[in-house]
Amino acid sequence: MHILTTSTDTQSIKIAARRDTSNPIFLLTDKTSRTTETISVTKTTDGDFMVLSASFSLKEGSQYSFRVKEGSTELYRGLIYCTDQTELDKFFINKDEYVSQTGYDNDFVIL
């Protein structure tokens, strides 16, 4: 899974595609609304990896699937999660969604 932010600046995704292409087609599908859009990407290479750079319009906390194609041939499938959390080693998908109880009492009722 690739992690991107809500920023509209250029962001990159590094993938190991089935084969190289000079003109990739990037299809982004929002998993909530099930809408697909074609994103214009710039392709570079890093060793055996394909690096796709584009300006994405993503929503915080949303999940997306994407496909990279050449014509009708599919080269790669992947998932994207959008978050603005910066400490990814401490990443928590349910951040600020649950509140933990701070005080504990060990009172028991015995019937």
PDB file of N, CA and C in Angstrom:
ATOM      1  N   MET A   1       0.852  -1.170   0.000  1.00  0.00           N
ATOM      2  CA  MET A   1       0.000   0.000   0.000  1.00  0.00           C
ATOM      3  C   MET A   1       0.896   1.230   0.000  1.00  0.00           C
ATOM      4  N   HIS A   2       0.543   2.167  -0.834  1.00  0.00           N
ATOM      5  CA  HIS A   2       1.270   3.429  -0.936  1.00  0.00           C
ATOM      6  C   HIS A   2       0.541   4.472  -0.101  1.00  0.00           C
ATOM      7  N   ILE A   3       1.291   5.321   0.579  1.00  0.00           N
ATOM      8  CA  ILE A   3       0.697   6.360   1.413  1.00  0.00           C
ATOM      9  C   ILE A   3       0.995   7.715   0.785  1.00  0.00           C
ATOM     10  N   LEU A   4      -0.056   8.467   0.498  1.00  0.00           N
ATOM     11  CA  LEU A   4       0.052   9.814  -0.049  1.00  0.00           C
ATOM     12  C   LEU A   4      -0.670  10.785   0.873  1.00  0.00           C
ATOM     13  N   THR A   5      -0.478  12.076   0.630  1.00  0.00           N
ATOM     14  CA  THR A   5      -1.104  13.098   1.464  1.00  0.00           C
ATOM     15  C   THR A   5      -2.177  13.840   0.674  1.00  0.00           C
ATOM     16  N   THR A   6      -2.847  14.767   1.341  1.00  0.00           N
ATOM     17  CA  THR A   6      -3.883  15.571   0.687  1.00  0.00           C
ATOM     18  C   THR A   6      -3.290  16.722  -0.116  1.00  0.00           C
ATOM     19  N   SER A   7      -1.992  16.881  -0.074  1.00  0.00           N
ATOM     20  CA  SER A   7      -1.320  17.960  -0.787  1.00  0.00           C
ATOM     21  C   SER A   7      -1.562  17.855  -2.293  1.00  0.00           C
ATOM     22  N   THR A   8      -1.745  18.997  -2.941  1.00  0.00           N
ATOM     23  CA  THR A   8      -1.911  19.006  -4.391  1.00  0.00           C
ATOM     24  C   THR A   8      -0.576  19.194  -5.106  1.00  0.00           C
ATOM     25  N   ASP A   9       0.526  19.208  -4.346  1.00  0.00           N
ATOM     26  CA  ASP A   9       1.855  19.241  -4.957  1.00  0.00           C
ATOM     27  C   ASP A   9       2.135  17.891  -5.608  1.00  0.00           C
ATOM     28  N   THR A  10       3.162  17.826  -6.414  1.00  0.00           N
ATOM     29  CA  THR A  10       3.516  16.582  -7.084  1.00  0.00           C
ATOM     30  C   THR A  10       3.995  15.552  -6.068  1.00  0.00           C
ATOM     31  N   GLN A  11       3.417  14.346  -6.131  1.00  0.00           N
ATOM     32  CA  GLN A  11       3.798  13.231  -5.273  1.00  0.00           C
ATOM     33  C   GLN A  11       4.182  12.057  -6.164  1.00  0.00           C
ATOM     34  N   SER A  12       5.022  11.161  -5.641  1.00  0.00           N
ATOM     35  CA  SER A  12       5.524  10.050  -6.442  1.00  0.00           C
ATOM     36  C   SER A  12       5.135   8.707  -5.853  1.00  0.00           C
ATOM     37  N   ILE A  13       4.940   7.744  -6.762  1.00  0.00           N
ATOM     38  CA  ILE A  13       4.677   6.354  -6.399  1.00  0.00           C
ATOM     39  C   ILE A  13       5.716   5.510  -7.120  1.00  0.00           C
ATOM     40  N   LYS A  14       6.420   4.667  -6.367  1.00  0.00           N
ATOM     41  CA  LYS A  14       7.457   3.807  -6.931  1.00  0.00           C
ATOM     42  C   LYS A  14       6.920   2.380  -7.013  1.00  0.00           C
ATOM     43  N   ILE A  15       6.880   1.834  -8.234  1.00  0.00           N
ATOM     44  CA  ILE A  15       6.292   0.515  -8.431  1.00  0.00           C
ATOM     45  C   ILE A  15       7.228  -0.389  -9.224  1.00  0.00           C
ATOM     46  N   ALA A  16       7.017  -1.684  -9.103  1.00  0.00           N
ATOM     47  CA  ALA A  16       7.710  -2.686  -9.910  1.00  0.00           C
ATOM     48  C   ALA A  16       6.680  -3.247 -10.885  1.00  0.00           C
ATOM     49  N   ALA A  17       6.579  -2.636 -12.045  1.00  0.00           N
ATOM     50  CA  ALA A  17       5.575  -3.031 -13.032  1.00  0.00           C
ATOM     51  C   ALA A  17       5.995  -4.315 -13.743  1.00  0.00           C
ATOM     52  N   ARG A  18       5.022  -4.954 -14.381  1.00  0.00           N
ATOM     53  CA  ARG A  18       5.294  -6.199 -15.107  1.00  0.00           C
ATOM     54  C   ARG A  18       6.259  -5.990 -16.260  1.00  0.00           C
ATOM     55  N   ARG A  19       6.189  -4.836 -16.884  1.00  0.00           N
ATOM     56  CA  ARG A  19       7.149  -4.473 -17.923  1.00  0.00           C
ATOM     57  C   ARG A  19       7.190  -2.957 -18.022  1.00  0.00           C
ATOM     58  N   ASP A  20       8.216  -2.463 -18.678  1.00  0.00           N
ATOM     59  CA  ASP A  20       8.400  -1.023 -18.806  1.00  0.00           C
ATOM     60  C   ASP A  20       7.551  -0.474 -19.948  1.00  0.00           C
ATOM     61  N   THR A  21       7.171   0.759 -19.813  1.00  0.00           N
ATOM     62  CA  THR A  21       6.428   1.451 -20.861  1.00  0.00           C
ATOM     63  C   THR A  21       6.858   2.907 -20.870  1.00  0.00           C
ATOM     64  N   SER A  22       6.787   3.515 -22.019  1.00  0.00           N
ATOM     65  CA  SER A  22       7.161   4.928 -22.110  1.00  0.00           C
ATOM     66  C   SER A  22       5.963   5.849 -21.902  1.00  0.00           C
ATOM     67  N   ASN A  23       4.756   5.300 -22.021  1.00  0.00           N
ATOM     68  CA  ASN A  23       3.544   6.107 -21.921  1.00  0.00           C
ATOM     69  C   ASN A  23       2.502   5.430 -21.033  1.00  0.00           C
ATOM     70  N   PRO A  24       2.696   5.428 -19.700  1.00  0.00           N
ATOM     71  CA  PRO A  24       1.740   4.729 -18.835  1.00  0.00           C
ATOM     72  C   PRO A  24       0.426   5.492 -18.679  1.00  0.00           C
ATOM     73  N   ILE A  25      -0.640   4.731 -18.517  1.00  0.00           N
ATOM     74  CA  ILE A  25      -1.965   5.281 -18.217  1.00  0.00           C
ATOM     75  C   ILE A  25      -2.254   4.942 -16.761  1.00  0.00           C
ATOM     76  N   PHE A  26      -2.582   5.955 -15.952  1.00  0.00           N
ATOM     77  CA  PHE A  26      -2.802   5.785 -14.514  1.00  0.00           C
ATOM     78  C   PHE A  26      -4.286   5.983 -14.228  1.00  0.00           C
ATOM     79  N   LEU A  27      -4.958   4.928 -13.786  1.00  0.00           N
ATOM     80  CA  LEU A  27      -6.382   4.986 -13.458  1.00  0.00           C
ATOM     81  C   LEU A  27      -6.553   4.915 -11.947  1.00  0.00           C
ATOM     82  N   LEU A  28      -7.156   5.943 -11.366  1.00  0.00           N
ATOM     83  CA  LEU A  28      -7.345   6.045  -9.921  1.00  0.00           C
ATOM     84  C   LEU A  28      -8.822   5.868  -9.592  1.00  0.00           C
ATOM     85  N   THR A  29      -9.126   4.909  -8.695  1.00  0.00           N
ATOM     86  CA  THR A  29     -10.512   4.629  -8.311  1.00  0.00           C
ATOM     87  C   THR A  29     -10.698   4.909  -6.826  1.00  0.00           C
ATOM     88  N   ASP A  30     -11.665   5.768  -6.507  1.00  0.00           N
ATOM     89  CA  ASP A  30     -12.027   6.047  -5.117  1.00  0.00           C
ATOM     90  C   ASP A  30     -12.857   4.863  -4.633  1.00  0.00           C
ATOM     91  N   LYS A  31     -12.416   4.205  -3.556  1.00  0.00           N
ATOM     92  CA  LYS A  31     -13.109   2.999  -3.092  1.00  0.00           C
ATOM     93  C   LYS A  31     -14.440   3.313  -2.422  1.00  0.00           C
ATOM     94  N   THR A  32     -14.653   4.558  -1.994  1.00  0.00           N
ATOM     95  CA  THR A  32     -15.909   4.935  -1.367  1.00  0.00           C
ATOM     96  C   THR A  32     -16.986   5.229  -2.409  1.00  0.00           C
ATOM     97  N   SER A  33     -16.670   6.083  -3.344  1.00  0.00           N
ATOM     98  CA  SER A  33     -17.662   6.480  -4.347  1.00  0.00           C
ATOM     99  C   SER A  33     -17.624   5.608  -5.599  1.00  0.00           C
ATOM    100  N   ARG A  34     -16.608   4.775  -5.719  1.00  0.00           N
ATOM    101  CA  ARG A  34     -16.433   3.874  -6.874  1.00  0.00           C
ATOM    102  C   ARG A  34     -16.387   4.627  -8.198  1.00  0.00           C
ATOM    103  N   THR A  35     -15.748   5.787  -8.168  1.00  0.00           N
ATOM    104  CA  THR A  35     -15.551   6.557  -9.391  1.00  0.00           C
ATOM    105  C   THR A  35     -14.089   6.431  -9.814  1.00  0.00           C
ATOM    106  N   THR A  36     -13.861   6.362 -11.111  1.00  0.00           N
ATOM    107  CA  THR A  36     -12.509   6.210 -11.641  1.00  0.00           C
ATOM    108  C   THR A  36     -12.163   7.412 -12.494  1.00  0.00           C
ATOM    109  N   GLU A  37     -10.937   7.906 -12.313  1.00  0.00           N
ATOM    110  CA  GLU A  37     -10.458   9.007 -13.142  1.00  0.00           C
ATOM    111  C   GLU A  37      -9.065   8.675 -13.664  1.00  0.00           C
ATOM    112  N   THR A  38      -8.744   9.211 -14.821  1.00  0.00           N
ATOM    113  CA  THR A  38      -7.427   9.019 -15.410  1.00  0.00           C
ATOM    114  C   THR A  38      -6.550  10.192 -14.998  1.00  0.00           C
ATOM    115  N   ILE A  39      -5.402   9.876 -14.405  1.00  0.00           N
ATOM    116  CA  ILE A  39      -4.465  10.890 -13.924  1.00  0.00           C
ATOM    117  C   ILE A  39      -3.294  10.966 -14.897  1.00  0.00           C
ATOM    118  N   SER A  40      -2.906  12.174 -15.256  1.00  0.00           N
ATOM    119  CA  SER A  40      -1.744  12.376 -16.114  1.00  0.00           C
ATOM    120  C   SER A  40      -0.478  12.271 -15.261  1.00  0.00           C
ATOM    121  N   VAL A  41       0.383  11.304 -15.569  1.00  0.00           N
ATOM    122  CA  VAL A  41       1.580  11.066 -14.773  1.00  0.00           C
ATOM    123  C   VAL A  41       2.839  11.278 -15.602  1.00  0.00           C
ATOM    124  N   THR A  42       3.923  11.599 -14.884  1.00  0.00           N
ATOM    125  CA  THR A  42       5.246  11.679 -15.477  1.00  0.00           C
ATOM    126  C   THR A  42       6.025  10.467 -15.013  1.00  0.00           C
ATOM    127  N   LYS A  43       6.622   9.725 -15.948  1.00  0.00           N
ATOM    128  CA  LYS A  43       7.313   8.486 -15.627  1.00  0.00           C
ATOM    129  C   LYS A  43       8.826   8.680 -15.675  1.00  0.00           C
ATOM    130  N   THR A  44       9.486   8.210 -14.614  1.00  0.00           N
ATOM    131  CA  THR A  44      10.941   8.109 -14.594  1.00  0.00           C
ATOM    132  C   THR A  44      11.283   6.704 -14.118  1.00  0.00           C
ATOM    133  N   THR A  45      12.539   6.343 -14.175  1.00  0.00           N
ATOM    134  CA  THR A  45      12.951   5.028 -13.688  1.00  0.00           C
ATOM    135  C   THR A  45      13.992   5.177 -12.597  1.00  0.00           C
ATOM    136  N   ASP A  46      13.990   4.197 -11.698  1.00  0.00           N
ATOM    137  CA  ASP A  46      14.969   4.113 -10.621  1.00  0.00           C
ATOM    138  C   ASP A  46      15.391   2.653 -10.546  1.00  0.00           C
ATOM    139  N   GLY A  47      16.434   2.303 -11.284  1.00  0.00           N
ATOM    140  CA  GLY A  47      16.831   0.902 -11.374  1.00  0.00           C
ATOM    141  C   GLY A  47      15.779   0.128 -12.136  1.00  0.00           C
ATOM    142  N   ASP A  48      15.241  -0.915 -11.519  1.00  0.00           N
ATOM    143  CA  ASP A  48      14.183  -1.716 -12.137  1.00  0.00           C
ATOM    144  C   ASP A  48      12.788  -1.202 -11.796  1.00  0.00           C
ATOM    145  N   PHE A  49      12.699  -0.091 -11.087  1.00  0.00           N
ATOM    146  CA  PHE A  49      11.413   0.437 -10.650  1.00  0.00           C
ATOM    147  C   PHE A  49      10.943   1.564 -11.564  1.00  0.00           C
ATOM    148  N   MET A  50       9.634   1.696 -11.678  1.00  0.00           N
ATOM    149  CA  MET A  50       9.000   2.784 -12.406  1.00  0.00           C
ATOM    150  C   MET A  50       8.515   3.784 -11.356  1.00  0.00           C
ATOM    151  N   VAL A  51       8.890   5.037 -11.501  1.00  0.00           N
ATOM    152  CA  VAL A  51       8.463   6.084 -10.577  1.00  0.00           C
ATOM    153  C   VAL A  51       7.469   6.971 -11.308  1.00  0.00           C
ATOM    154  N   LEU A  52       6.250   7.008 -10.803  1.00  0.00           N
ATOM    155  CA  LEU A  52       5.181   7.796 -11.411  1.00  0.00           C
ATOM    156  C   LEU A  52       4.897   9.010 -10.540  1.00  0.00           C
ATOM    157  N   SER A  53       5.019  10.199 -11.119  1.00  0.00           N
ATOM    158  CA  SER A  53       4.804  11.445 -10.387  1.00  0.00           C
ATOM    159  C   SER A  53       3.600  12.174 -10.967  1.00  0.00           C
ATOM    160  N   ALA A  54       2.770  12.699 -10.076  1.00  0.00           N
ATOM    161  CA  ALA A  54       1.569  13.416 -10.507  1.00  0.00           C
ATOM    162  C   ALA A  54       1.052  14.281  -9.374  1.00  0.00           C
ATOM    163  N   SER A  55       0.138  15.151  -9.712  1.00  0.00           N
ATOM    164  CA  SER A  55      -0.565  15.958  -8.728  1.00  0.00           C
ATOM    165  C   SER A  55      -1.917  15.293  -8.497  1.00  0.00           C
ATOM    166  N   PHE A  56      -2.120  14.786  -7.284  1.00  0.00           N
ATOM    167  CA  PHE A  56      -3.344  14.071  -6.948  1.00  0.00           C
ATOM    168  C   PHE A  56      -4.276  14.965  -6.141  1.00  0.00           C
ATOM    169  N   SER A  57      -5.563  14.729  -6.238  1.00  0.00           N
ATOM    170  CA  SER A  57      -6.567  15.411  -5.424  1.00  0.00           C
ATOM    171  C   SER A  57      -7.236  14.346  -4.565  1.00  0.00           C
ATOM    172  N   LEU A  58      -6.658  14.116  -3.365  1.00  0.00           N
ATOM    173  CA  LEU A  58      -7.109  13.038  -2.493  1.00  0.00           C
ATOM    174  C   LEU A  58      -7.735  13.591  -1.223  1.00  0.00           C
ATOM    175  N   LYS A  59      -8.587  12.783  -0.583  1.00  0.00           N
ATOM    176  CA  LYS A  59      -9.257  13.173   0.650  1.00  0.00           C
ATOM    177  C   LYS A  59      -8.646  12.431   1.834  1.00  0.00           C
ATOM    178  N   GLU A  60      -8.472  13.121   2.939  1.00  0.00           N
ATOM    179  CA  GLU A  60      -7.911  12.554   4.170  1.00  0.00           C
ATOM    180  C   GLU A  60      -8.703  11.335   4.618  1.00  0.00           C
ATOM    181  N   GLY A  61      -7.994  10.264   4.925  1.00  0.00           N
ATOM    182  CA  GLY A  61      -8.617   9.051   5.432  1.00  0.00           C
ATOM    183  C   GLY A  61      -9.266   8.175   4.379  1.00  0.00           C
ATOM    184  N   SER A  62      -9.123   8.531   3.117  1.00  0.00           N
ATOM    185  CA  SER A  62      -9.754   7.751   2.049  1.00  0.00           C
ATOM    186  C   SER A  62      -8.800   6.707   1.482  1.00  0.00           C
ATOM    187  N   GLN A  63      -9.394   5.660   0.935  1.00  0.00           N
ATOM    188  CA  GLN A  63      -8.625   4.603   0.296  1.00  0.00           C
ATOM    189  C   GLN A  63      -8.931   4.598  -1.193  1.00  0.00           C
ATOM    190  N   TYR A  64      -7.905   4.327  -1.956  1.00  0.00           N
ATOM    191  CA  TYR A  64      -8.023   4.314  -3.406  1.00  0.00           C
ATOM    192  C   TYR A  64      -7.334   3.066  -3.954  1.00  0.00           C
ATOM    193  N   SER A  65      -7.814   2.591  -5.078  1.00  0.00           N
ATOM    194  CA  SER A  65      -7.089   1.562  -5.815  1.00  0.00           C
ATOM    195  C   SER A  65      -6.629   2.219  -7.112  1.00  0.00           C
ATOM    196  N   PHE A  66      -5.531   1.716  -7.661  1.00  0.00           N
ATOM    197  CA  PHE A  66      -5.071   2.273  -8.924  1.00  0.00           C
ATOM    198  C   PHE A  66      -4.535   1.172  -9.821  1.00  0.00           C
ATOM    199  N   ARG A  67      -4.596   1.439 -11.109  1.00  0.00           N
ATOM    200  CA  ARG A  67      -4.074   0.526 -12.120  1.00  0.00           C
ATOM    201  C   ARG A  67      -3.193   1.318 -13.073  1.00  0.00           C
ATOM    202  N   VAL A  68      -2.085   0.723 -13.460  1.00  0.00           N
ATOM    203  CA  VAL A  68      -1.206   1.316 -14.461  1.00  0.00           C
ATOM    204  C   VAL A  68      -1.317   0.435 -15.696  1.00  0.00           C
ATOM    205  N   LYS A  69      -1.629   1.071 -16.826  1.00  0.00           N
ATOM    206  CA  LYS A  69      -1.860   0.320 -18.053  1.00  0.00           C
ATOM    207  C   LYS A  69      -1.012   0.882 -19.191  1.00  0.00           C
ATOM    208  N   GLU A  70      -0.826   0.050 -20.192  1.00  0.00           N
ATOM    209  CA  GLU A  70      -0.258   0.464 -21.470  1.00  0.00           C
ATOM    210  C   GLU A  70      -1.251  -0.022 -22.521  1.00  0.00           C
ATOM    211  N   GLY A  71      -2.017   0.913 -23.075  1.00  0.00           N
ATOM    212  CA  GLY A  71      -3.109   0.516 -23.956  1.00  0.00           C
ATOM    213  C   GLY A  71      -4.151  -0.242 -23.151  1.00  0.00           C
ATOM    214  N   SER A  72      -4.444  -1.483 -23.547  1.00  0.00           N
ATOM    215  CA  SER A  72      -5.399  -2.301 -22.797  1.00  0.00           C
ATOM    216  C   SER A  72      -4.705  -3.306 -21.880  1.00  0.00           C
ATOM    217  N   THR A  73      -3.369  -3.312 -21.884  1.00  0.00           N
ATOM    218  CA  THR A  73      -2.602  -4.253 -21.064  1.00  0.00           C
ATOM    219  C   THR A  73      -2.338  -3.668 -19.684  1.00  0.00           C
ATOM    220  N   GLU A  74      -2.726  -4.399 -18.657  1.00  0.00           N
ATOM    221  CA  GLU A  74      -2.516  -3.943 -17.287  1.00  0.00           C
ATOM    222  C   GLU A  74      -1.100  -4.300 -16.834  1.00  0.00           C
ATOM    223  N   LEU A  75      -0.372  -3.296 -16.319  1.00  0.00           N
ATOM    224  CA  LEU A  75       1.008  -3.491 -15.893  1.00  0.00           C
ATOM    225  C   LEU A  75       1.155  -3.581 -14.375  1.00  0.00           C
ATOM    226  N   TYR A  76       0.244  -2.968 -13.632  1.00  0.00           N
ATOM    227  CA  TYR A  76       0.366  -2.937 -12.175  1.00  0.00           C
ATOM    228  C   TYR A  76      -0.980  -2.582 -11.551  1.00  0.00           C
ATOM    229  N   ARG A  77      -1.252  -3.168 -10.380  1.00  0.00           N
ATOM    230  CA  ARG A  77      -2.399  -2.795  -9.543  1.00  0.00           C
ATOM    231  C   ARG A  77      -1.882  -2.483  -8.150  1.00  0.00           C
ATOM    232  N   GLY A  78      -2.475  -1.479  -7.522  1.00  0.00           N
ATOM    233  CA  GLY A  78      -2.041  -1.137  -6.179  1.00  0.00           C
ATOM    234  C   GLY A  78      -3.112  -0.409  -5.401  1.00  0.00           C
ATOM    235  N   LEU A  79      -2.785  -0.119  -4.141  1.00  0.00           N
ATOM    236  CA  LEU A  79      -3.687   0.593  -3.240  1.00  0.00           C
ATOM    237  C   LEU A  79      -2.997   1.844  -2.716  1.00  0.00           C
ATOM    238  N   ILE A  80      -3.796   2.872  -2.475  1.00  0.00           N
ATOM    239  CA  ILE A  80      -3.306   4.131  -1.908  1.00  0.00           C
ATOM    240  C   ILE A  80      -4.159   4.449  -0.692  1.00  0.00           C
ATOM    241  N   TYR A  81      -3.503   4.871   0.383  1.00  0.00           N
ATOM    242  CA  TYR A  81      -4.209   5.401   1.545  1.00  0.00           C
ATOM    243  C   TYR A  81      -3.763   6.848   1.706  1.00  0.00           C
ATOM    244  N   CYS A  82      -4.700   7.758   1.877  1.00  0.00           N
ATOM    245  CA  CYS A  82      -4.403   9.181   2.006  1.00  0.00           C
ATOM    246  C   CYS A  82      -4.442   9.596   3.467  1.00  0.00           C
ATOM    247  N   THR A  83      -3.322  10.123   3.956  1.00  0.00           N
ATOM    248  CA  THR A  83      -3.261  10.626   5.327  1.00  0.00           C
ATOM    249  C   THR A  83      -2.256  11.768   5.409  1.00  0.00           C
ATOM    250  N   ASP A  84      -2.500  12.685   6.335  1.00  0.00           N
ATOM    251  CA  ASP A  84      -1.565  13.772   6.589  1.00  0.00           C
ATOM    252  C   ASP A  84      -0.738  13.516   7.850  1.00  0.00           C
ATOM    253  N   GLN A  85      -0.896  12.345   8.442  1.00  0.00           N
ATOM    254  CA  GLN A  85      -0.076  12.003   9.602  1.00  0.00           C
ATOM    255  C   GLN A  85       1.377  11.892   9.141  1.00  0.00           C
ATOM    256  N   THR A  86       2.291  12.486   9.902  1.00  0.00           N
ATOM    257  CA  THR A  86       3.682  12.552   9.451  1.00  0.00           C
ATOM    258  C   THR A  86       4.569  11.464  10.041  1.00  0.00           C
ATOM    259  N   GLU A  87       4.283  10.993  11.222  1.00  0.00           N
ATOM    260  CA  GLU A  87       5.104   9.968  11.852  1.00  0.00           C
ATOM    261  C   GLU A  87       4.560   8.597  11.452  1.00  0.00           C
ATOM    262  N   LEU A  88       4.956   8.126  10.272  1.00  0.00           N
ATOM    263  CA  LEU A  88       4.378   6.901   9.730  1.00  0.00           C
ATOM    264  C   LEU A  88       4.771   5.661  10.518  1.00  0.00           C
ATOM    265  N   ASP A  89       5.903   5.698  11.255  1.00  0.00           N
ATOM    266  CA  ASP A  89       6.259   4.550  12.088  1.00  0.00           C
ATOM    267  C   ASP A  89       5.316   4.421  13.281  1.00  0.00           C
ATOM    268  N   LYS A  90       4.628   5.515  13.627  1.00  0.00           N
ATOM    269  CA  LYS A  90       3.644   5.497  14.704  1.00  0.00           C
ATOM    270  C   LYS A  90       2.233   5.670  14.147  1.00  0.00           C
ATOM    271  N   PHE A  91       2.070   5.401  12.857  1.00  0.00           N
ATOM    272  CA  PHE A  91       0.799   5.598  12.172  1.00  0.00           C
ATOM    273  C   PHE A  91      -0.309   4.779  12.819  1.00  0.00           C
ATOM    274  N   PHE A  92      -1.455   5.400  12.992  1.00  0.00           N
ATOM    275  CA  PHE A  92      -2.614   4.746  13.580  1.00  0.00           C
ATOM    276  C   PHE A  92      -3.832   5.135  12.762  1.00  0.00           C
ATOM    277  N   ILE A  93      -4.426   4.180  12.088  1.00  0.00           N
ATOM    278  CA  ILE A  93      -5.528   4.462  11.167  1.00  0.00           C
ATOM    279  C   ILE A  93      -6.750   5.047  11.885  1.00  0.00           C
ATOM    280  N   ASN A  94      -6.920   4.769  13.163  1.00  0.00           N
ATOM    281  CA  ASN A  94      -8.072   5.259  13.928  1.00  0.00           C
ATOM    282  C   ASN A  94      -7.717   6.451  14.810  1.00  0.00           C
ATOM    283  N   LYS A  95      -6.711   7.231  14.426  1.00  0.00           N
ATOM    284  CA  LYS A  95      -6.277   8.376  15.210  1.00  0.00           C
ATOM    285  C   LYS A  95      -7.438   9.336  15.450  1.00  0.00           C
ATOM    286  N   ASP A  96      -7.607   9.748  16.692  1.00  0.00           N
ATOM    287  CA  ASP A  96      -8.649  10.685  17.131  1.00  0.00           C
ATOM    288  C   ASP A  96     -10.068  10.167  16.918  1.00  0.00           C
ATOM    289  N   GLU A  97     -10.205   8.886  16.684  1.00  0.00           N
ATOM    290  CA  GLU A  97     -11.531   8.321  16.476  1.00  0.00           C
ATOM    291  C   GLU A  97     -12.064   7.679  17.757  1.00  0.00           C
ATOM    292  N   TYR A  98     -11.171   7.171  18.585  1.00  0.00           N
ATOM    293  CA  TYR A  98     -11.560   6.519  19.831  1.00  0.00           C
ATOM    294  C   TYR A  98     -10.930   7.248  21.003  1.00  0.00           C
ATOM    295  N   VAL A  99     -11.632   7.280  22.122  1.00  0.00           N
ATOM    296  CA  VAL A  99     -11.133   7.920  23.329  1.00  0.00           C
ATOM    297  C   VAL A  99     -10.916   6.839  24.366  1.00  0.00           C
ATOM    298  N   SER A 100      -9.725   6.830  24.937  1.00  0.00           N
ATOM    299  CA  SER A 100      -9.457   5.832  25.971  1.00  0.00           C
ATOM    300  C   SER A 100      -9.786   6.423  27.340  1.00  0.00           C
ATOM    301  N   GLN A 101     -10.186   5.563  28.240  1.00  0.00           N
ATOM    302  CA  GLN A 101     -10.549   5.983  29.577  1.00  0.00           C
ATOM    303  C   GLN A 101      -9.272   6.184  30.377  1.00  0.00           C
ATOM    304  N   THR A 102      -9.188   7.308  31.106  1.00  0.00           N
ATOM    305  CA  THR A 102      -7.969   7.616  31.846  1.00  0.00           C
ATOM    306  C   THR A 102      -8.021   7.145  33.294  1.00  0.00           C
ATOM    307  N   GLY A 103      -9.189   7.095  33.896  1.00  0.00           N
ATOM    308  CA  GLY A 103      -9.300   6.660  35.291  1.00  0.00           C
ATOM    309  C   GLY A 103      -9.892   5.274  35.382  1.00  0.00           C
ATOM    310  N   TYR A 104      -9.331   4.498  36.276  1.00  0.00           N
ATOM    311  CA  TYR A 104      -9.829   3.138  36.445  1.00  0.00           C
ATOM    312  C   TYR A 104     -10.186   2.924  37.913  1.00  0.00           C
ATOM    313  N   ASP A 105     -11.309   2.317  38.159  1.00  0.00           N
ATOM    314  CA  ASP A 105     -11.642   1.914  39.514  1.00  0.00           C
ATOM    315  C   ASP A 105     -11.887   0.407  39.485  1.00  0.00           C
ATOM    316  N   ASN A 106     -11.463  -0.236  40.471  1.00  0.00           N
ATOM    317  CA  ASN A 106     -11.604  -1.682  40.544  1.00  0.00           C
ATOM    318  C   ASN A 106     -12.765  -2.082  41.439  1.00  0.00           C
ATOM    319  N   ASP A 107     -13.844  -1.343  41.341  1.00  0.00           N
ATOM    320  CA  ASP A 107     -15.026  -1.660  42.152  1.00  0.00           C
ATOM    321  C   ASP A 107     -15.800  -2.763  41.462  1.00  0.00           C
ATOM    322  N   PHE A 108     -16.107  -3.785  42.223  1.00  0.00           N
ATOM    323  CA  PHE A 108     -16.885  -4.904  41.709  1.00  0.00           C
ATOM    324  C   PHE A 108     -18.163  -5.024  42.502  1.00  0.00           C
ATOM    325  N   VAL A 109     -19.224  -5.420  41.852  1.00  0.00           N
ATOM    326  CA  VAL A 109     -20.480  -5.640  42.512  1.00  0.00           C
ATOM    327  C   VAL A 109     -20.692  -7.154  42.539  1.00  0.00           C
ATOM    328  N   ILE A 110     -20.780  -7.694  43.736  1.00  0.00           N
ATOM    329  CA  ILE A 110     -20.993  -9.137  43.885  1.00  0.00           C
ATOM    330  C   ILE A 110     -22.420  -9.342  44.351  1.00  0.00           C
ATOM    331  N   LEU A 111     -23.157 -10.168  43.654  1.00  0.00           N
ATOM    332  CA  LEU A 111     -24.541 -10.447  44.006  1.00  0.00           C
ATOM    333  C   LEU A 111     -24.667 -11.811  44.641  1.00  0.00           C
TER     334      LEU A 111
END
